[in-house]
């Protein structure tokens, strides 16, 4: 699946076939606002894939005929086996089969696997497996980097399936610390927050905490996240974090995560939440949003 496939506009006839309902029902739902549709110059209804996904979530419906909307796996008919999905996804990213990997991601989303679960149960385990293969010499470094790039594109696809947040939705911003160039945790965090209806902005990787503090003071987010997959100078990080917290703790909830935050380091930090999975992040933000 290419990135442009996700932007395709689906006709009522396609959606009717996919859901095994009448075309007139789809048109009626579009006209009634149940499914948000666009209109062509000729007045024909067209529904973006993201709008269909939102409709499926809101109405607890399932796709019966996935081929009608360009999906081919039976996983969209009922909730898929995630163990099988991670096997398929790992094989695809290891072999450099980008189209297959991205298709799997979209199929899981259409099957209503939540973004947090998708990250925790499929994407992250797949990358861990590829990393283990690299460490044991079973794949080359170029294959590991290529796999990372494919996962990044899959996350872009999934982000495109999220509904735009409301203008007054809570804001979250975050970044990886200085010396940390690993992008996937930031991308996953942004995706999960977007799926929950937040306005989420990743400021990227290798961001000094002093600069992140400037962003917090300027943007005033409800949540600020810090991803720490790698620390070049743990004592220096602790000092920077203390200064960061003194500037932002009265403005924002501080969420931290990442494999570099060992128990010893965490004991010296003061934060609102430590999230070692996207499910933990989801639980925390749902609690403070309520």
Protein backbone atom coordinates (compact mmCIF):
# COMPACT_ATOMS: atom_id res chain seq x y z
CA UNK A 1 0.00 0.00 0.00
CA UNK A 2 1.37 3.41 -0.89
CA UNK A 3 0.87 6.52 1.18
CA UNK A 4 -1.50 7.96 -1.43
CA UNK A 5 -3.79 4.92 -1.07
CA UNK A 6 -4.65 6.10 2.42
CA UNK A 7 -5.88 9.36 0.97
CA UNK A 8 -8.27 7.66 -1.42
CA UNK A 9 -11.88 8.79 -1.34
CA UNK A 10 -14.33 5.93 -1.02
CA UNK A 11 -17.69 5.90 -2.75
CA UNK A 12 -20.93 4.93 -0.97
CA UNK A 13 -21.03 1.84 -3.17
CA UNK A 14 -17.57 0.71 -1.99
CA UNK A 15 -18.45 1.27 1.66
CA UNK A 16 -21.79 -0.51 1.26
CA UNK A 17 -20.00 -3.57 -0.12
CA UNK A 18 -17.39 -3.44 2.62
CA UNK A 19 -19.98 -3.27 5.41
CA UNK A 20 -22.60 -5.49 3.71
CA UNK A 21 -25.34 -2.86 3.87
CA UNK A 22 -27.31 -1.08 1.18
CA UNK A 23 -25.83 1.81 -0.76
CA UNK A 24 -28.90 3.87 0.12
CA UNK A 25 -28.12 3.37 3.81
CA UNK A 26 -24.60 4.71 3.32
CA UNK A 27 -25.93 7.74 1.45
CA UNK A 28 -28.47 8.37 4.18
CA UNK A 29 -25.80 8.12 6.87
CA UNK A 30 -23.63 10.56 4.93
CA UNK A 31 -26.47 13.04 4.48
CA UNK A 32 -27.39 12.71 8.15
CA UNK A 33 -23.83 13.38 9.31
CA UNK A 34 -23.23 9.91 10.74
CA UNK A 35 -20.46 9.47 8.18
CA UNK A 36 -18.65 12.70 7.30
CA UNK A 37 -18.41 12.88 3.53
CA UNK A 38 -16.96 15.24 0.97
CA UNK A 39 -18.63 16.07 -2.33
CA UNK A 40 -17.10 16.13 -5.78
CA UNK A 41 -17.71 18.95 -8.25
CA UNK A 42 -20.48 16.80 -9.66
CA UNK A 43 -22.14 16.42 -6.25
CA UNK A 44 -21.09 12.81 -5.62
CA UNK A 45 -20.41 11.73 -2.05
CA UNK A 46 -16.87 10.61 -1.22
CA UNK A 47 -15.61 9.42 2.17
CA UNK A 48 -11.91 9.51 3.22
CA UNK A 49 -10.56 6.33 4.78
CA UNK A 50 -9.99 8.21 8.05
CA UNK A 51 -13.69 9.11 8.22
CA UNK A 52 -14.69 5.50 7.61
CA UNK A 53 -12.37 4.36 10.39
CA UNK A 54 -13.91 6.92 12.74
CA UNK A 55 -17.39 5.69 11.82
CA UNK A 56 -16.40 2.08 12.55
CA UNK A 57 -15.09 3.05 15.97
CA UNK A 58 -18.15 5.11 16.89
CA UNK A 59 -20.74 2.58 15.75
CA UNK A 60 -18.96 -0.67 16.69
CA UNK A 61 -19.27 -1.95 13.13
CA UNK A 62 -16.85 -4.28 11.38
CA UNK A 63 -15.67 -4.61 7.81
CA UNK A 64 -17.20 -7.68 6.16
CA UNK A 65 -15.69 -7.37 2.67
CA UNK A 66 -12.25 -5.72 3.06
CA UNK A 67 -11.37 -5.99 -0.63
CA UNK A 68 -14.09 -3.46 -1.43
CA UNK A 69 -12.04 -0.70 0.19
CA UNK A 70 -8.63 -1.93 -0.91
CA UNK A 71 -7.78 -4.18 2.04
CA UNK A 72 -7.06 -7.82 1.48
CA UNK A 73 -6.41 -9.50 4.81
CA UNK A 74 -9.12 -11.40 6.66
CA UNK A 75 -7.94 -9.65 9.83
CA UNK A 76 -10.43 -6.88 9.10
CA UNK A 77 -13.41 -9.19 9.42
CA UNK A 78 -12.95 -9.85 13.14
CA UNK A 79 -10.40 -8.92 15.74
CA UNK A 80 -7.04 -10.26 14.51
CA UNK A 81 -4.54 -12.40 16.38
CA UNK A 82 -1.87 -9.88 17.35
CA UNK A 83 0.74 -12.60 17.82
CA UNK A 84 0.28 -13.51 14.18
CA UNK A 85 0.28 -9.86 13.21
CA UNK A 86 3.64 -9.18 14.85
CA UNK A 87 5.10 -12.21 13.06
CA UNK A 88 3.87 -10.91 9.70
CA UNK A 89 4.95 -7.36 10.42
CA UNK A 90 8.42 -8.43 11.58
CA UNK A 91 8.92 -10.52 8.47
CA UNK A 92 7.85 -7.62 6.26
CA UNK A 93 10.08 -4.95 7.79
CA UNK A 94 13.06 -7.33 7.95
CA UNK A 95 12.69 -8.15 4.26
CA UNK A 96 12.19 -4.50 3.32
CA UNK A 97 8.62 -5.12 2.15
CA UNK A 98 7.30 -1.66 2.92
CA UNK A 99 3.96 -2.00 1.12
CA UNK A 100 3.13 -5.19 3.03
CA UNK A 101 4.09 -3.71 6.39
CA UNK A 102 2.05 -0.56 5.87
CA UNK A 103 -0.92 -2.61 4.71
CA UNK A 104 -0.77 -4.63 7.93
CA UNK A 105 -0.79 -1.47 10.01
CA UNK A 106 -3.85 -0.06 8.29
CA UNK A 107 -5.70 -3.38 8.41
CA UNK A 108 -5.17 -3.58 12.17
CA UNK A 109 -6.45 -0.04 12.61
CA UNK A 110 -9.54 -0.76 10.51
CA UNK A 111 -10.04 -3.89 12.63
CA UNK A 112 -10.27 -1.43 15.54
CA UNK A 113 -7.08 -2.35 17.29
CA UNK A 114 -6.36 0.78 19.32
CA UNK A 115 -3.25 2.76 18.49
CA UNK A 116 -1.72 2.17 21.93
CA UNK A 117 -2.22 -1.57 21.64
CA UNK A 118 -1.01 -1.58 18.06
CA UNK A 119 2.22 0.11 19.14
CA UNK A 120 2.73 -2.07 22.23
CA UNK A 121 1.72 -5.42 20.75
CA UNK A 122 2.93 -5.17 17.15
CA UNK A 123 5.20 -2.28 16.17
CA UNK A 124 7.48 -2.14 19.20
CA UNK A 125 7.88 -5.95 19.50
CA UNK A 126 8.69 -6.15 15.80
CA UNK A 127 11.47 -3.58 16.16
CA UNK A 128 12.79 -5.38 19.24
CA UNK A 129 12.97 -8.59 17.21
CA UNK A 130 14.83 -6.86 14.40
CA UNK A 131 17.23 -5.37 16.95
CA UNK A 132 17.87 -8.82 18.39
CA UNK A 133 18.54 -10.19 14.91
CA UNK A 134 21.06 -7.41 14.32
CA UNK A 135 22.79 -8.01 17.66
CA UNK A 136 23.26 -11.68 16.80
CA UNK A 137 24.50 -10.92 13.30
CA UNK A 138 21.48 -12.34 11.51
CA UNK A 139 20.69 -9.06 9.76
CA UNK A 140 22.92 -6.21 8.67
CA UNK A 141 22.80 -2.70 10.05
CA UNK A 142 21.27 -1.44 6.81
CA UNK A 143 18.35 -3.84 7.29
CA UNK A 144 17.77 -2.57 10.82
CA UNK A 145 17.80 1.05 9.64
CA UNK A 146 15.53 0.19 6.73
CA UNK A 147 13.10 -1.53 9.10
CA UNK A 148 13.05 1.57 11.29
CA UNK A 149 12.20 3.69 8.25
CA UNK A 150 9.33 1.39 7.31
CA UNK A 151 7.92 1.59 10.82
CA UNK A 152 8.15 5.38 10.62
CA UNK A 153 6.11 5.34 7.41
CA UNK A 154 3.59 2.98 9.00
CA UNK A 155 3.19 5.45 11.86
CA UNK A 156 2.61 8.25 9.33
CA UNK A 157 -0.14 6.15 7.75
CA UNK A 158 -1.76 5.54 11.12
CA UNK A 159 -1.48 9.21 12.03
CA UNK A 160 -3.34 10.06 8.83
CA UNK A 161 -6.19 7.80 9.97
CA UNK A 162 -6.70 9.80 13.19
CA UNK A 163 -9.44 12.38 13.31
CA UNK A 164 -8.27 16.01 13.56
CA UNK A 165 -8.51 17.21 17.18
CA UNK A 166 -11.04 19.77 18.31
CA UNK A 167 -9.63 23.32 18.51
CA UNK A 168 -10.02 23.30 22.29
CA UNK A 169 -8.59 19.81 22.78
CA UNK A 170 -5.83 19.53 25.40
CA UNK A 171 -2.32 20.11 24.10
CA UNK A 172 0.70 17.85 24.58
CA UNK A 173 4.22 18.45 23.34
CA UNK A 174 7.37 16.42 23.72
CA UNK A 175 10.78 15.45 22.44
CA UNK A 176 13.77 13.18 22.87
CA UNK A 177 16.63 14.47 24.99
CA UNK A 178 19.94 15.81 23.71
CA UNK A 179 22.00 13.02 22.17
CA UNK A 180 18.98 10.79 21.60
CA UNK A 181 18.22 10.46 17.88
CA UNK A 182 15.66 7.65 18.11
CA UNK A 183 12.42 8.90 16.56
CA UNK A 184 9.97 6.03 17.00
CA UNK A 185 9.00 6.67 20.66
CA UNK A 186 8.09 10.27 19.84
CA UNK A 187 6.10 9.21 16.79
CA UNK A 188 4.23 6.56 18.78
CA UNK A 189 3.48 8.99 21.61
CA UNK A 190 2.09 11.55 19.18
CA UNK A 191 -0.02 8.88 17.48
CA UNK A 192 -1.54 7.58 20.70
CA UNK A 193 -2.34 11.06 21.97
CA UNK A 194 -3.87 12.01 18.62
CA UNK A 195 -6.00 8.86 18.69
CA UNK A 196 -7.29 9.99 22.10
CA UNK A 197 -8.31 13.37 20.72
CA UNK A 198 -5.37 15.45 21.96
CA UNK A 199 -3.51 18.12 20.03
CA UNK A 200 -0.11 16.44 20.07
CA UNK A 201 3.13 17.88 18.71
CA UNK A 202 6.48 16.15 18.64
CA UNK A 203 9.36 18.60 18.64
CA UNK A 204 11.68 15.88 17.41
CA UNK A 205 14.88 14.31 18.60
CA UNK A 206 18.09 15.60 20.22
CA UNK A 207 16.34 18.50 21.97
CA UNK A 208 18.04 20.08 25.02
CA UNK A 209 15.73 20.23 28.01
CA UNK A 210 16.34 23.96 28.29
CA UNK A 211 14.82 24.38 24.82
CA UNK A 212 11.92 22.10 25.70
CA UNK A 213 11.30 24.29 28.74
CA UNK A 214 11.13 27.31 26.43
CA UNK A 215 8.50 25.49 24.36
CA UNK A 216 6.45 24.70 27.46
CA UNK A 217 6.50 28.30 28.59
CA UNK A 218 5.47 29.46 25.12
CA UNK A 219 2.84 26.85 24.27
CA UNK A 220 1.53 26.03 27.77
CA UNK A 221 0.66 22.37 27.13
CA UNK A 222 -1.28 20.28 29.60
CA UNK A 223 1.27 17.48 29.17
CA UNK A 224 4.93 17.51 28.20
CA UNK A 225 6.65 14.22 27.44
CA UNK A 226 10.35 13.41 27.49
CA UNK A 227 11.63 10.33 25.66
CA UNK A 228 14.95 8.89 26.86
CA UNK A 229 16.11 5.96 24.76
CA UNK A 230 19.76 6.97 25.14
CA UNK A 231 21.58 9.25 27.56
CA UNK A 232 25.08 10.46 26.70
CA UNK A 233 25.65 11.95 30.16
CA UNK A 234 23.32 10.65 32.91
CA UNK A 235 24.62 13.02 35.65
CA UNK A 236 24.28 15.96 33.27
CA UNK A 237 20.76 14.83 32.36
CA UNK A 238 19.75 14.72 36.02
CA UNK A 239 20.95 18.28 36.54
CA UNK A 240 19.18 19.46 33.39
CA UNK A 241 15.98 17.69 34.39
CA UNK A 242 15.98 19.34 37.80
CA UNK A 243 16.28 22.76 36.16
CA UNK A 244 13.62 21.82 33.61
CA UNK A 245 11.17 20.70 36.28
CA UNK A 246 11.65 23.88 38.30
CA UNK A 247 10.57 25.87 35.24
CA UNK A 248 7.58 23.84 34.04
CA UNK A 249 6.14 21.77 36.90
CA UNK A 250 3.58 24.43 37.76
CA UNK A 251 2.46 24.63 34.11
CA UNK A 252 2.36 21.07 32.77
CA UNK A 253 2.20 17.42 33.74
CA UNK A 254 5.61 15.85 33.06
CA UNK A 255 5.59 12.38 31.50
CA UNK A 256 8.85 10.49 31.04
CA UNK A 257 9.72 7.20 29.43
CA UNK A 258 12.43 5.26 27.67
CA UNK A 259 14.83 2.41 28.26
CA UNK A 260 17.64 4.76 29.34
CA UNK A 261 15.72 5.67 32.50
CA UNK A 262 17.01 2.96 34.79
CA UNK A 263 15.60 2.44 38.27
CA UNK A 264 18.58 4.29 39.71
CA UNK A 265 18.00 7.33 37.49
CA UNK A 266 14.26 7.32 38.06
CA UNK A 267 14.74 7.44 41.82
CA UNK A 268 16.34 10.84 41.35
CA UNK A 269 13.61 12.29 39.14
CA UNK A 270 10.33 13.92 40.08
CA UNK A 271 7.63 13.59 37.42
CA UNK A 272 3.90 13.16 36.98
CA UNK A 273 4.09 9.74 35.32
CA UNK A 274 6.61 7.22 34.05
CA UNK A 275 5.21 5.32 31.06
CA UNK A 276 7.09 2.30 29.78
CA UNK A 277 4.27 1.34 27.42
CA UNK A 278 1.79 3.25 25.30
CA UNK A 279 -1.00 1.63 27.33
CA UNK A 280 0.39 3.30 30.46
CA UNK A 281 0.45 6.62 28.62
CA UNK A 282 -3.14 6.15 27.48
CA UNK A 283 -4.29 5.36 31.01
CA UNK A 284 -2.56 8.43 32.42
CA UNK A 285 -3.85 10.95 29.90
CA UNK A 286 -7.38 9.54 30.05
CA UNK A 287 -7.29 9.99 33.83
CA UNK A 288 -6.15 13.61 33.74
CA UNK A 289 -8.44 14.51 30.83
CA UNK A 290 -11.52 13.31 32.66
